[in-house]
Amino acid sequence: MVRTGSWTKTRALFSGASLAALTMAVAAPAFAQQTEVEELVVTGFRGSLQQALELKRGSATASDTILAEDIGKFPDLNLSESIQRISGVALARDGGEGRQISVRGLGPQFTRVRINGMEALTTAGGTDASGGTNRGRSFDFNIFAADLFNSITVQKTSAAETEEGSLGATVDLRTARPLDYDGFKFVASAQASYNSLSEDTSPRAAGMISNTWADGTFGALLSVAYSKRSLLDVGASTVRWARGTSFSPGFDALPNGAGLPTTVNPAAAANNAAYHPRFPRYDRYDQEQERLGATFALQWKPTDATELTFDYLYAKLDGSRQEQFLEAPSFSVGGACTAANVNTSCGIADTNVVSSTITNGVMTAGTFDDVDLRVEDRYDELTTTFNQYSLDFSHAFSDTLKIHAVAGHSESDHQNPIQTTIIWDQFNVDGYRFDYGQGRAPLLTYGNADLTNPSAWRLTQVRMRPQSAVNTYDTVAFDGEWTANDILTFKGGLSWKSYEFASTELRRSIGPSTNSPRFQDR
């Protein structure tokens, strides 16, 4: 066995030597002819990954970078879906696409975003389940198409040179600039997808044109991205779960009004202690969305030491959304029954549990009498317009002394001029049943309800809630860097920032007193 192993090793070495000799023999004529071969540089996805890796190695903080080469290869609908590909970043979706991000488990409000070196904030409107109109510090990335940006950097740890203001991460977005490319460049792309559920086609297109002059010292760039999308989302939801005791007096309560019927259920205590769906319902969302974005840049670099850049970024997201629900609000309406409301919207106190299935403290199924049903139809028209322009200057006096300055303005203007909700109710339905033990989709049946008869429904509420949110940033910053030696560098600077936030909400309601008209301006 030892001899066999030795022979195998010797044969392997001989084969390797033969291959090397054969290679030299084939290459010998080329050397004899002294043929000159021009340098061939191949760039691509591997080169982009290598560049991103070098940026990560050279950073003093824990950071990750995605470059344009990678972004272009992702089938992402918007910017947030590209960022989620970085480790430690989680994505919150709204309307079938990414809207906000969280880093290392911290919510979106703890992430700060800078665009071309300037802090900015964009806000949009969403469904009630996703928070509605954004009036917080969370950045809505769905305003932007991913095609508009040349690099994305997520800085996960703090640094002395990074201005405070983020517990989660600082996300730096950079748009394309003309001196990133040599000479004239023109790139265009187009694609379309078909949604069999909404039976609609969604187009998407992007283009960039760039050129440089004066021996590559001056350049201009323009890029545009457009997409249109139709979405139909159908399903079921519960609007969270709660115990019957959370809505006093709970299921099968003894009514207080004179002449009202009384209900006694021996299992009332167990039913009220179990968790039940607050709004068992079927949902339908119809959404139309149109996104347009553009960047424009002028760049001048008269010497290797001096560079001046003007950047402009524009983005607009238009959309409409219709939300429709067939629900049972009785399970989350408390209060005692009276002679005035027992025949209308008495709520959980008048809801009788005919039978129930309770597993580990959760009411997964049940049949009920005197349940109130509701059809809720809400329509929104929404638009967000973002504008940012900035001037960036850098100069190196020497290899050891450098300065950098940036000044600019950004504004995000979100308008929700139409938000109208119409509600119809049908009271005291017997034989209503829900069953959440059927798998992913629950079984909801409506007993003796007359769902298709318009006269069986009563128009009870009309709500109108137009809203807006405007965020404005003005920034001026100056930084300096002095390298004393190979191991010691000093950095310092000054920064001035002005932030303004204005939000309005108008409410007008024809319905319960809890929806009385009011005005908010914050």
Foldseek 3Di string as FASTA:
>chain_A
DVVVVVVVVVVVVVVVVVVVVVVCVVCVVVVVVVDDDDDDDDDADVNQVVVQVVVCVPDPFRKGKHFLRRLVVDPAAFQLVVVCVDPQKDFDDAQPHTFFIFGNPDDQLQEWEAEPRHTDAAWWAGDVVVPGTDPGNGHTGSQGHSNFFGMKMWGQDDDPVDDDDHPGTYIYTYGDAQLVDAAWDKDKDKDWDADPVVRDIKIKMKMKIKGADDRSFKIKIKIKIKIKDKDKDKAWDQQDKDAQVVFPPGAQAAADAPPDDHGDDPCRVLRRQFIERQKTKIKIKIKIKIKMKMKMKIKGHPDPFKIKMKIKIKMKMWMKMKMKIKIFNLSNHHDHDYPVPLFHNRGRNNKHWPDFDADPRHTQKTFIWFIKIKIKMKMWIKMKIKIKMKMKIKGDPDPFKIKIKMWIKMKIKIWTAWIKMWMKMATGFGGWMWHNPPPPHIDTDGHPQPVPDVVRIHTAKMKTKIKIKMKMKTKIKMKMKGDPDPPDIDIDIDMDMDMDMWMWIWMPMRHDPVRHTDIDID
